[in-house]
Structure formats: C-alpha cells, structure tokens
N, C-alpha and C. Protein backbone atom coordinates (compact mmCIF):
# COMPACT_ATOMS: atom_id res chain seq x y z
N MET A 1 63.09 105.12 20.97
CA MET A 1 63.89 103.96 20.97
C MET A 1 64.58 103.76 22.29
N ASP A 2 64.22 104.57 23.17
CA ASP A 2 64.83 104.43 24.46
C ASP A 2 64.23 103.27 25.25
N GLY A 3 63.02 102.88 24.92
CA GLY A 3 62.33 101.83 25.66
C GLY A 3 62.92 100.45 25.39
N PRO A 4 62.49 99.55 26.19
CA PRO A 4 63.00 98.20 26.02
C PRO A 4 62.54 97.60 24.68
N LYS A 5 63.43 96.98 24.11
CA LYS A 5 63.12 96.34 22.82
C LYS A 5 62.53 94.96 23.08
N ALA A 6 61.54 94.66 22.31
CA ALA A 6 60.96 93.32 22.41
C ALA A 6 61.82 92.37 21.58
N GLU A 7 62.17 91.29 22.21
CA GLU A 7 63.02 90.35 21.50
C GLU A 7 62.20 89.65 20.43
N GLN A 8 62.74 89.64 19.29
CA GLN A 8 62.07 88.97 18.20
C GLN A 8 62.69 87.58 18.02
N PRO A 9 61.85 86.61 17.74
CA PRO A 9 62.41 85.28 17.58
C PRO A 9 63.32 85.22 16.36
N LEU A 10 64.26 84.35 16.46
CA LEU A 10 65.23 84.20 15.38
C LEU A 10 64.54 83.72 14.10
N TYR A 11 63.59 82.80 14.27
CA TYR A 11 62.84 82.30 13.13
C TYR A 11 61.40 82.74 13.29
N PRO A 12 60.83 83.27 12.26
CA PRO A 12 59.42 83.68 12.41
C PRO A 12 58.53 82.45 12.50
N LYS A 13 57.32 82.62 13.05
CA LYS A 13 56.38 81.52 13.16
C LYS A 13 56.03 81.02 11.77
N LEU A 14 56.04 79.72 11.65
CA LEU A 14 55.69 79.15 10.38
C LEU A 14 54.19 78.92 10.34
N SER A 15 53.62 79.34 9.30
CA SER A 15 52.17 79.17 9.20
C SER A 15 51.88 78.00 8.29
N SER A 16 50.63 77.60 8.28
CA SER A 16 50.25 76.49 7.43
C SER A 16 50.27 76.89 5.97
N ARG A 17 50.37 78.19 5.70
CA ARG A 17 50.46 78.62 4.32
C ARG A 17 51.79 78.19 3.70
N CYS A 18 52.83 78.07 4.51
CA CYS A 18 54.16 77.71 3.99
C CYS A 18 54.24 76.24 3.60
N PHE A 19 53.51 75.41 4.31
CA PHE A 19 53.58 73.98 4.06
C PHE A 19 52.26 73.48 3.49
N PRO A 20 52.33 72.71 2.43
CA PRO A 20 51.08 72.11 1.94
C PRO A 20 50.56 71.08 2.94
N ALA A 21 49.36 70.66 2.77
CA ALA A 21 48.69 69.78 3.73
C ALA A 21 49.39 68.43 3.87
N ARG A 22 50.03 67.93 2.83
CA ARG A 22 50.64 66.61 2.94
C ARG A 22 51.90 66.58 3.79
N PHE A 23 52.48 67.76 4.09
CA PHE A 23 53.71 67.80 4.89
C PHE A 23 53.47 68.11 6.36
N VAL A 24 52.25 68.37 6.74
CA VAL A 24 51.96 68.66 8.14
C VAL A 24 52.08 67.35 8.90
N PRO A 25 52.91 67.31 9.94
CA PRO A 25 53.22 66.05 10.57
C PRO A 25 52.05 65.37 11.28
N ASN A 26 51.12 66.09 11.83
CA ASN A 26 50.04 65.47 12.59
C ASN A 26 48.85 65.09 11.71
N ARG A 27 48.94 65.35 10.49
CA ARG A 27 47.81 65.10 9.61
C ARG A 27 48.17 63.95 8.66
N ILE A 28 47.45 62.86 8.71
CA ILE A 28 47.74 61.69 7.90
C ILE A 28 46.67 61.58 6.83
N ARG A 29 47.13 61.43 5.61
CA ARG A 29 46.19 61.27 4.51
C ARG A 29 45.78 59.83 4.42
N THR A 30 44.55 59.59 4.33
CA THR A 30 44.09 58.23 4.11
C THR A 30 43.64 58.14 2.66
N GLY A 31 44.03 57.07 2.07
CA GLY A 31 43.67 56.88 0.68
C GLY A 31 43.64 55.41 0.38
N SER A 32 43.95 55.07 -0.85
CA SER A 32 43.89 53.68 -1.26
C SER A 32 44.99 52.85 -0.61
N VAL A 33 46.11 53.48 -0.26
CA VAL A 33 47.20 52.75 0.36
C VAL A 33 46.78 52.23 1.73
N GLY A 34 46.15 53.01 2.51
CA GLY A 34 45.71 52.60 3.84
C GLY A 34 44.71 51.47 3.79
N ARG A 35 43.82 51.51 2.81
CA ARG A 35 42.83 50.45 2.70
C ARG A 35 43.49 49.13 2.29
N ASN A 36 44.52 49.17 1.42
CA ASN A 36 45.18 47.96 0.96
C ASN A 36 46.04 47.31 2.05
N LEU A 37 46.56 48.12 2.96
CA LEU A 37 47.37 47.56 4.04
C LEU A 37 46.53 46.70 4.98
N LYS A 38 45.30 47.01 5.15
CA LYS A 38 44.44 46.22 6.02
C LYS A 38 44.13 44.86 5.41
N LEU A 39 44.22 44.75 4.08
CA LEU A 39 43.89 43.49 3.43
C LEU A 39 45.04 42.48 3.45
N LEU A 40 46.28 42.94 3.64
CA LEU A 40 47.44 42.05 3.64
C LEU A 40 47.48 41.25 4.94
N PRO A 41 47.89 39.96 4.86
CA PRO A 41 47.96 39.17 6.09
C PRO A 41 49.18 39.58 6.91
N LYS A 42 49.04 39.44 8.19
CA LYS A 42 50.17 39.72 9.07
C LYS A 42 51.14 38.54 8.99
N PRO A 43 52.45 38.79 8.79
CA PRO A 43 53.37 37.68 8.50
C PRO A 43 53.52 36.68 9.64
N PHE A 44 53.45 37.12 10.87
CA PHE A 44 53.69 36.19 11.96
C PHE A 44 52.50 35.27 12.22
N LYS A 45 51.33 35.64 11.72
CA LYS A 45 50.16 34.80 11.91
C LYS A 45 49.93 33.87 10.72
N SER A 46 50.70 34.06 9.68
CA SER A 46 50.51 33.27 8.47
C SER A 46 51.28 31.95 8.56
N SER A 47 50.63 30.85 8.22
CA SER A 47 51.31 29.56 8.26
C SER A 47 52.30 29.43 7.10
N ILE A 48 52.04 30.08 6.00
CA ILE A 48 52.97 30.04 4.85
C ILE A 48 54.30 30.68 5.24
N PHE A 49 54.24 31.76 5.98
CA PHE A 49 55.47 32.43 6.44
C PHE A 49 56.32 31.48 7.28
N TRP A 50 55.69 30.77 8.23
CA TRP A 50 56.44 29.89 9.10
C TRP A 50 56.96 28.66 8.37
N ILE A 51 56.21 28.17 7.40
CA ILE A 51 56.68 27.04 6.60
C ILE A 51 57.90 27.45 5.79
N ALA A 52 57.86 28.64 5.20
CA ALA A 52 59.01 29.14 4.43
C ALA A 52 60.23 29.33 5.32
N GLN A 53 60.02 29.88 6.52
CA GLN A 53 61.13 30.08 7.45
C GLN A 53 61.74 28.75 7.87
N PHE A 54 60.90 27.79 8.18
CA PHE A 54 61.36 26.47 8.60
C PHE A 54 62.10 25.78 7.45
N GLY A 55 61.58 25.87 6.25
CA GLY A 55 62.23 25.26 5.09
C GLY A 55 63.59 25.87 4.81
N CYS A 56 63.70 27.18 4.88
CA CYS A 56 64.99 27.84 4.65
C CYS A 56 66.01 27.48 5.73
N THR A 57 65.55 27.39 6.96
CA THR A 57 66.46 27.02 8.06
C THR A 57 66.98 25.59 7.88
N ILE A 58 66.09 24.69 7.53
CA ILE A 58 66.50 23.29 7.31
C ILE A 58 67.47 23.21 6.13
N ALA A 59 67.19 23.93 5.06
CA ALA A 59 68.07 23.91 3.89
C ALA A 59 69.46 24.45 4.23
N ALA A 60 69.52 25.56 4.95
CA ALA A 60 70.82 26.14 5.31
C ALA A 60 71.60 25.20 6.23
N ALA A 61 70.92 24.60 7.20
CA ALA A 61 71.61 23.68 8.11
C ALA A 61 72.12 22.44 7.38
N SER A 62 71.32 21.91 6.48
CA SER A 62 71.76 20.71 5.76
C SER A 62 72.92 21.01 4.82
N ILE A 63 72.93 22.16 4.20
CA ILE A 63 74.06 22.54 3.34
C ILE A 63 75.33 22.67 4.17
N MET A 64 75.25 23.28 5.33
CA MET A 64 76.44 23.43 6.18
C MET A 64 76.94 22.07 6.66
N ILE A 65 76.04 21.20 7.07
CA ILE A 65 76.45 19.87 7.54
C ILE A 65 77.07 19.08 6.40
N PHE A 66 76.48 19.16 5.23
CA PHE A 66 77.01 18.45 4.07
C PHE A 66 78.41 18.93 3.71
N ARG A 67 78.64 20.25 3.78
CA ARG A 67 79.97 20.78 3.46
C ARG A 67 81.01 20.39 4.49
N ILE A 68 80.63 20.40 5.75
CA ILE A 68 81.58 20.03 6.81
C ILE A 68 81.91 18.55 6.70
N ARG A 69 80.89 17.74 6.47
CA ARG A 69 81.10 16.30 6.40
C ARG A 69 81.88 15.91 5.15
N ARG A 70 81.67 16.61 4.07
CA ARG A 70 82.29 16.27 2.81
C ARG A 70 83.77 16.64 2.77
N ARG A 71 84.16 17.62 3.54
CA ARG A 71 85.52 18.12 3.47
C ARG A 71 86.46 17.34 4.37
N ASN A 72 86.77 16.15 3.98
CA ASN A 72 87.78 15.36 4.66
C ASN A 72 89.00 15.37 3.73
N PRO A 73 90.00 16.19 4.02
CA PRO A 73 91.10 16.36 3.06
C PRO A 73 91.90 15.08 2.80
N LYS A 74 92.05 14.23 3.80
CA LYS A 74 92.80 12.99 3.59
C LYS A 74 92.06 12.06 2.63
N LEU A 75 90.76 11.94 2.84
CA LEU A 75 89.96 11.08 1.96
C LEU A 75 89.90 11.64 0.54
N GLU A 76 89.76 12.96 0.42
CA GLU A 76 89.75 13.58 -0.90
C GLU A 76 91.08 13.36 -1.62
N LEU A 77 92.18 13.45 -0.88
CA LEU A 77 93.50 13.24 -1.48
C LEU A 77 93.66 11.79 -1.94
N ARG A 78 93.18 10.85 -1.15
CA ARG A 78 93.27 9.44 -1.54
C ARG A 78 92.43 9.15 -2.77
N LYS A 79 91.24 9.72 -2.83
CA LYS A 79 90.39 9.51 -4.00
C LYS A 79 90.99 10.16 -5.24
N GLN A 80 91.64 11.29 -5.05
CA GLN A 80 92.31 11.93 -6.18
C GLN A 80 93.47 11.07 -6.67
N LYS A 81 94.20 10.46 -5.74
CA LYS A 81 95.28 9.55 -6.13
C LYS A 81 94.73 8.34 -6.86
N GLU A 82 93.58 7.85 -6.42
CA GLU A 82 92.97 6.69 -7.07
C GLU A 82 92.57 7.03 -8.51
N LYS A 83 92.03 8.21 -8.72
CA LYS A 83 91.68 8.62 -10.08
C LYS A 83 92.93 8.78 -10.95
N LEU A 84 94.00 9.28 -10.36
CA LEU A 84 95.26 9.42 -11.09
C LEU A 84 95.80 8.04 -11.48
N LEU A 85 95.70 7.09 -10.57
CA LEU A 85 96.16 5.73 -10.88
C LEU A 85 95.28 5.09 -11.96
N ASP A 86 93.98 5.37 -11.94
CA ASP A 86 93.11 4.88 -13.02
C ASP A 86 93.57 5.41 -14.37
N GLY A 87 93.93 6.68 -14.39
CA GLY A 87 94.43 7.27 -15.63
C GLY A 87 95.73 6.64 -16.09
N LYS A 88 96.62 6.35 -15.13
CA LYS A 88 97.88 5.70 -15.48
C LYS A 88 97.66 4.29 -16.02
N ILE A 89 96.71 3.57 -15.43
CA ILE A 89 96.41 2.22 -15.91
C ILE A 89 95.87 2.27 -17.34
N ARG A 90 94.95 3.17 -17.58
CA ARG A 90 94.39 3.29 -18.93
C ARG A 90 95.44 3.74 -19.95
N GLU A 91 96.32 4.61 -19.52
CA GLU A 91 97.41 5.05 -20.40
C GLU A 91 98.36 3.89 -20.72
N ALA A 92 98.65 3.07 -19.72
CA ALA A 92 99.52 1.92 -19.95
C ALA A 92 98.85 0.91 -20.88
N LEU A 93 97.53 0.75 -20.74
CA LEU A 93 96.81 -0.13 -21.66
C LEU A 93 96.87 0.40 -23.09
N LYS A 94 96.73 1.69 -23.22
CA LYS A 94 96.72 2.29 -24.55
C LYS A 94 98.08 2.15 -25.22
N HIS A 95 99.15 2.29 -24.45
CA HIS A 95 100.50 2.22 -25.01
C HIS A 95 101.11 0.82 -24.91
N LYS A 96 100.35 -0.14 -24.43
CA LYS A 96 100.80 -1.52 -24.29
C LYS A 96 102.04 -1.64 -23.40
N ASP A 97 102.05 -0.87 -22.33
CA ASP A 97 103.16 -0.86 -21.38
C ASP A 97 102.84 -1.84 -20.25
N THR A 98 103.38 -3.04 -20.35
CA THR A 98 103.07 -4.10 -19.39
C THR A 98 103.59 -3.77 -17.99
N SER A 99 104.84 -3.33 -17.92
CA SER A 99 105.44 -3.02 -16.63
C SER A 99 104.70 -1.88 -15.94
N GLY A 100 104.40 -0.81 -16.67
CA GLY A 100 103.67 0.32 -16.09
C GLY A 100 102.27 -0.06 -15.66
N PHE A 101 101.63 -0.92 -16.44
CA PHE A 101 100.28 -1.39 -16.09
C PHE A 101 100.29 -2.13 -14.76
N HIS A 102 101.20 -3.06 -14.59
CA HIS A 102 101.24 -3.87 -13.37
C HIS A 102 101.65 -3.04 -12.16
N GLN A 103 102.57 -2.10 -12.35
CA GLN A 103 102.95 -1.23 -11.24
C GLN A 103 101.77 -0.38 -10.78
N ALA A 104 101.08 0.23 -11.75
CA ALA A 104 99.94 1.08 -11.40
C ALA A 104 98.80 0.28 -10.78
N LEU A 105 98.58 -0.92 -11.28
CA LEU A 105 97.53 -1.78 -10.72
C LEU A 105 97.86 -2.18 -9.29
N ARG A 106 99.10 -2.52 -9.02
CA ARG A 106 99.50 -2.88 -7.65
C ARG A 106 99.33 -1.67 -6.71
N ARG A 107 99.72 -0.50 -7.19
CA ARG A 107 99.57 0.70 -6.36
C ARG A 107 98.10 1.01 -6.10
N LYS A 108 97.24 0.76 -7.11
CA LYS A 108 95.81 1.00 -6.92
C LYS A 108 95.22 0.01 -5.92
N ILE A 109 95.65 -1.22 -5.98
CA ILE A 109 95.17 -2.22 -5.01
C ILE A 109 95.58 -1.80 -3.60
N ARG A 110 96.83 -1.40 -3.43
CA ARG A 110 97.29 -0.95 -2.12
C ARG A 110 96.49 0.24 -1.62
N LEU A 111 96.27 1.20 -2.50
CA LEU A 111 95.54 2.40 -2.11
C LEU A 111 94.10 2.07 -1.74
N ARG A 112 93.45 1.25 -2.54
CA ARG A 112 92.05 0.91 -2.29
C ARG A 112 91.90 0.13 -0.98
N VAL A 113 92.80 -0.80 -0.73
CA VAL A 113 92.75 -1.54 0.53
C VAL A 113 93.09 -0.60 1.70
N GLY A 114 94.02 0.31 1.48
CA GLY A 114 94.36 1.28 2.53
C GLY A 114 93.19 2.19 2.87
N ILE A 115 92.42 2.60 1.88
CA ILE A 115 91.24 3.42 2.14
C ILE A 115 90.20 2.61 2.91
N ALA A 116 89.98 1.38 2.48
CA ALA A 116 88.96 0.54 3.13
C ALA A 116 89.35 0.17 4.56
N CYS A 117 90.64 0.03 4.83
CA CYS A 117 91.10 -0.42 6.15
C CYS A 117 91.68 0.72 6.99
N ASP A 118 91.52 1.95 6.56
CA ASP A 118 91.98 3.14 7.29
C ASP A 118 93.48 3.13 7.57
N GLN A 119 94.26 2.82 6.56
CA GLN A 119 95.72 2.85 6.68
C GLN A 119 96.23 4.18 6.11
N THR A 120 97.18 4.80 6.79
CA THR A 120 97.68 6.09 6.33
C THR A 120 98.77 5.94 5.28
N ASN A 121 99.69 5.00 5.48
CA ASN A 121 100.81 4.83 4.55
C ASN A 121 100.55 3.60 3.69
N THR A 122 99.81 3.79 2.61
CA THR A 122 99.42 2.65 1.79
C THR A 122 100.55 2.16 0.89
N SER A 123 101.51 3.01 0.58
CA SER A 123 102.59 2.59 -0.32
C SER A 123 103.55 1.61 0.35
N ALA A 124 103.53 1.53 1.67
CA ALA A 124 104.44 0.64 2.38
C ALA A 124 103.83 -0.74 2.64
N LEU A 125 102.61 -0.96 2.18
CA LEU A 125 101.96 -2.25 2.44
C LEU A 125 102.51 -3.32 1.50
N SER A 126 102.85 -4.47 2.08
CA SER A 126 103.27 -5.61 1.26
C SER A 126 102.04 -6.45 0.95
N SER A 127 102.23 -7.46 0.11
CA SER A 127 101.11 -8.32 -0.28
C SER A 127 100.53 -9.06 0.92
N SER A 128 101.39 -9.56 1.80
CA SER A 128 100.90 -10.28 2.97
C SER A 128 100.17 -9.34 3.94
N GLU A 129 100.66 -8.13 4.07
CA GLU A 129 99.97 -7.17 4.94
C GLU A 129 98.60 -6.80 4.37
N ILE A 130 98.50 -6.68 3.06
CA ILE A 130 97.21 -6.38 2.43
C ILE A 130 96.21 -7.50 2.71
N ILE A 131 96.65 -8.74 2.56
CA ILE A 131 95.77 -9.88 2.81
C ILE A 131 95.37 -9.94 4.27
N ASN A 132 96.32 -9.68 5.19
CA ASN A 132 95.99 -9.68 6.62
C ASN A 132 95.00 -8.57 6.97
N LEU A 133 95.16 -7.40 6.37
CA LEU A 133 94.22 -6.30 6.63
C LEU A 133 92.82 -6.65 6.15
N LEU A 134 92.74 -7.26 4.98
CA LEU A 134 91.42 -7.65 4.46
C LEU A 134 90.76 -8.69 5.35
N ARG A 135 91.54 -9.61 5.87
CA ARG A 135 90.97 -10.64 6.75
C ARG A 135 90.57 -10.05 8.10
N GLN A 136 91.35 -9.08 8.60
CA GLN A 136 91.00 -8.43 9.86
C GLN A 136 89.69 -7.64 9.74
N LYS A 137 89.48 -7.04 8.60
CA LYS A 137 88.23 -6.28 8.38
C LYS A 137 87.08 -7.19 7.96
N GLN A 138 87.34 -8.48 7.92
CA GLN A 138 86.34 -9.52 7.65
C GLN A 138 85.66 -9.36 6.28
N PHE A 139 86.48 -9.15 5.27
CA PHE A 139 85.96 -9.16 3.91
C PHE A 139 85.71 -10.61 3.50
N PRO A 140 84.80 -10.85 2.57
CA PRO A 140 84.53 -12.23 2.13
C PRO A 140 85.79 -12.89 1.55
N GLU A 141 85.86 -14.17 1.72
CA GLU A 141 87.07 -14.91 1.31
C GLU A 141 87.29 -14.86 -0.20
N ASN A 142 86.22 -14.77 -0.99
CA ASN A 142 86.42 -14.70 -2.45
C ASN A 142 87.10 -13.38 -2.86
N ILE A 143 86.81 -12.31 -2.16
CA ILE A 143 87.47 -11.03 -2.46
C ILE A 143 88.94 -11.11 -2.06
N VAL A 144 89.21 -11.73 -0.92
CA VAL A 144 90.60 -11.86 -0.46
C VAL A 144 91.41 -12.70 -1.44
N THR A 145 90.83 -13.79 -1.92
CA THR A 145 91.57 -14.62 -2.88
C THR A 145 91.74 -13.92 -4.23
N ASP A 146 90.74 -13.16 -4.65
CA ASP A 146 90.88 -12.39 -5.90
C ASP A 146 92.00 -11.36 -5.79
N ILE A 147 92.07 -10.67 -4.67
CA ILE A 147 93.14 -9.69 -4.46
C ILE A 147 94.49 -10.38 -4.42
N LEU A 148 94.56 -11.52 -3.75
CA LEU A 148 95.81 -12.28 -3.69
C LEU A 148 96.25 -12.71 -5.08
N ASN A 149 95.32 -13.19 -5.89
CA ASN A 149 95.65 -13.58 -7.26
C ASN A 149 96.10 -12.40 -8.10
N LEU A 150 95.44 -11.26 -7.95
CA LEU A 150 95.85 -10.07 -8.69
C LEU A 150 97.25 -9.62 -8.31
N LEU A 151 97.54 -9.66 -7.01
CA LEU A 151 98.89 -9.27 -6.57
C LEU A 151 99.95 -10.23 -7.09
N LYS A 152 99.65 -11.52 -7.12
CA LYS A 152 100.61 -12.50 -7.67
C LYS A 152 100.82 -12.27 -9.16
N VAL A 153 99.74 -11.99 -9.88
CA VAL A 153 99.87 -11.72 -11.32
C VAL A 153 100.71 -10.47 -11.56
N CYS A 154 100.47 -9.45 -10.75
CA CYS A 154 101.25 -8.21 -10.90
C CYS A 154 102.73 -8.45 -10.61
N ASP A 155 103.02 -9.22 -9.57
CA ASP A 155 104.41 -9.51 -9.22
C ASP A 155 105.09 -10.37 -10.28
N ASP A 156 104.38 -11.36 -10.79
CA ASP A 156 104.98 -12.29 -11.75
C ASP A 156 105.18 -11.65 -13.12
N LEU A 157 104.22 -10.88 -13.58
CA LEU A 157 104.27 -10.40 -14.96
C LEU A 157 104.88 -9.01 -15.12
N GLU A 158 105.21 -8.36 -14.02
CA GLU A 158 105.78 -7.01 -14.16
C GLU A 158 107.12 -7.04 -14.88
N TYR A 159 107.97 -7.98 -14.52
CA TYR A 159 109.31 -8.04 -15.14
C TYR A 159 109.47 -9.27 -16.03
N ALA A 160 108.37 -9.78 -16.54
CA ALA A 160 108.44 -10.96 -17.41
C ALA A 160 109.09 -10.59 -18.74
N GLN A 161 109.81 -11.53 -19.31
CA GLN A 161 110.51 -11.27 -20.58
C GLN A 161 109.53 -11.18 -21.75
N ASN A 162 108.55 -12.06 -21.79
CA ASN A 162 107.61 -12.00 -22.90
C ASN A 162 106.38 -11.19 -22.43
N PRO A 163 106.13 -10.04 -23.04
CA PRO A 163 105.05 -9.17 -22.58
C PRO A 163 103.69 -9.77 -22.92
N ASN A 164 102.70 -9.41 -22.10
CA ASN A 164 101.33 -9.84 -22.33
C ASN A 164 100.74 -9.08 -23.51
N ASN A 165 99.79 -9.70 -24.16
CA ASN A 165 99.10 -8.96 -25.21
C ASN A 165 98.02 -8.09 -24.58
N VAL A 166 97.44 -7.23 -25.38
CA VAL A 166 96.49 -6.24 -24.87
C VAL A 166 95.24 -6.89 -24.31
N THR A 167 94.79 -7.96 -24.92
CA THR A 167 93.57 -8.61 -24.43
C THR A 167 93.77 -9.19 -23.04
N THR A 168 94.94 -9.72 -22.75
CA THR A 168 95.21 -10.25 -21.41
C THR A 168 95.23 -9.12 -20.39
N LEU A 169 95.85 -7.99 -20.76
CA LEU A 169 95.89 -6.84 -19.85
C LEU A 169 94.48 -6.30 -19.60
N GLU A 170 93.67 -6.24 -20.65
CA GLU A 170 92.30 -5.75 -20.49
C GLU A 170 91.48 -6.70 -19.61
N LEU A 171 91.72 -7.98 -19.77
CA LEU A 171 91.02 -8.97 -18.94
C LEU A 171 91.42 -8.82 -17.48
N ILE A 172 92.69 -8.63 -17.23
CA ILE A 172 93.18 -8.41 -15.86
C ILE A 172 92.58 -7.13 -15.30
N PHE A 173 92.52 -6.09 -16.12
CA PHE A 173 91.98 -4.80 -15.68
C PHE A 173 90.50 -4.90 -15.32
N THR A 174 89.70 -5.57 -16.15
CA THR A 174 88.27 -5.71 -15.84
C THR A 174 88.06 -6.55 -14.58
N ASN A 175 88.87 -7.61 -14.43
CA ASN A 175 88.78 -8.43 -13.22
C ASN A 175 89.15 -7.61 -11.99
N ALA A 176 90.20 -6.81 -12.10
CA ALA A 176 90.63 -5.98 -10.97
C ALA A 176 89.60 -4.92 -10.64
N SER A 177 89.02 -4.30 -11.64
CA SER A 177 88.05 -3.23 -11.36
C SER A 177 86.79 -3.79 -10.70
N THR A 178 86.33 -4.96 -11.13
CA THR A 178 85.16 -5.55 -10.46
C THR A 178 85.47 -5.98 -9.03
N THR A 179 86.67 -6.47 -8.81
CA THR A 179 87.06 -6.88 -7.45
C THR A 179 87.22 -5.66 -6.55
N LEU A 180 87.86 -4.60 -7.07
CA LEU A 180 88.11 -3.43 -6.24
C LEU A 180 86.83 -2.65 -5.95
N LYS A 181 85.82 -2.78 -6.78
CA LYS A 181 84.54 -2.13 -6.48
C LYS A 181 83.87 -2.73 -5.25
N ASN A 182 84.16 -3.98 -4.98
CA ASN A 182 83.57 -4.65 -3.82
C ASN A 182 84.26 -4.28 -2.52
N ILE A 183 85.42 -3.64 -2.60
CA ILE A 183 86.14 -3.22 -1.38
C ILE A 183 85.75 -1.78 -1.06
N LYS A 184 85.03 -1.63 0.00
CA LYS A 184 84.60 -0.28 0.42
C LYS A 184 84.70 -0.13 1.90
C-alpha cells in the first residue's frame, strides 16, 4: 500500500444494463407516433389556420372598439334618466296624478331635446330655448310645433283646478312619445 493509489471516480461508469433502451438519450424509438406526425399539416402553411387567426383578430378588435365606443358615461346617464322619467310618467298615469304627469313629461321633453342638441344642463332649458335649439339643429317644423304644443299643454294643465281624465293624459302621452321618437 505504499504505492500510489489510483484515483477512483466518484461515480462508477454507467452501463447500458442500468438503463433500458427507451431511456438512452441518443436512441430514438420510431413507432406509430412518428408516422402520424408526418401526416399532420404544418400550421403555418395551412389556409385554415390563417383564416382562424384573422377571424379571431378581427373579432377581438371589434369587441374592443365596440366597448370603447359604447362607454360614454354622460350619454348613458342621460338615457338612464330618460328611462326613469318614463317610469315616473307611467306611474303618474296609473295613479291619475295630473301634476306629476305634466312635470315628468316636461322634464322628459327637456332631456330628450338636450340629448339631441348636445346640451349639458337640460333642466335649465326654458320653453323658448328648447324651440330655438330645435330650430338651430334644423328639425322639421312639424316636430317643432308639436313640441311647442306639448310644452304649452304641460304648462297650462299642470296647475289646473279641474284635473284631466285618464284618457286625455294617455292621449297626450302617446302624442308625446311619437313626437319624441322623431327627435334623435
């Protein structure tokens, strides 16, 4: 033992007996999987792949544009107010509340004209200002006269001593709704 010792490796040589054939890194098994891979089309050369990619891109872009364009908080708030006023008008019709009906109808006319004419403070509009705005935006004269008549009816009958019957209120409401649909 006096002679030089031969250094032994820390790990003994691994033989192929230790590893089965499927784990040897340089040896690739060919079987049914390899044959099936050759039959599949390459995705970048396939026209179906590019059509699907183009379709998904167009769909994603259109959804984003639609969401950005749709989210106008001022316009959404005005439309929500308009729906609330519709509910108040219908409630006043149901309870035969003449004063509440005319107030809500006047407010709805102001709001609708304010939306159509891009006015921010619609509650401050007077009847003459509403008519002037409609004429400036060049609405047809029959719509302007219908709005003027509705505003006069609302002003005259809101505090009238003898209340209107339900059929008169419903007639005014249908006339107002058809007129206001034409204002956009």
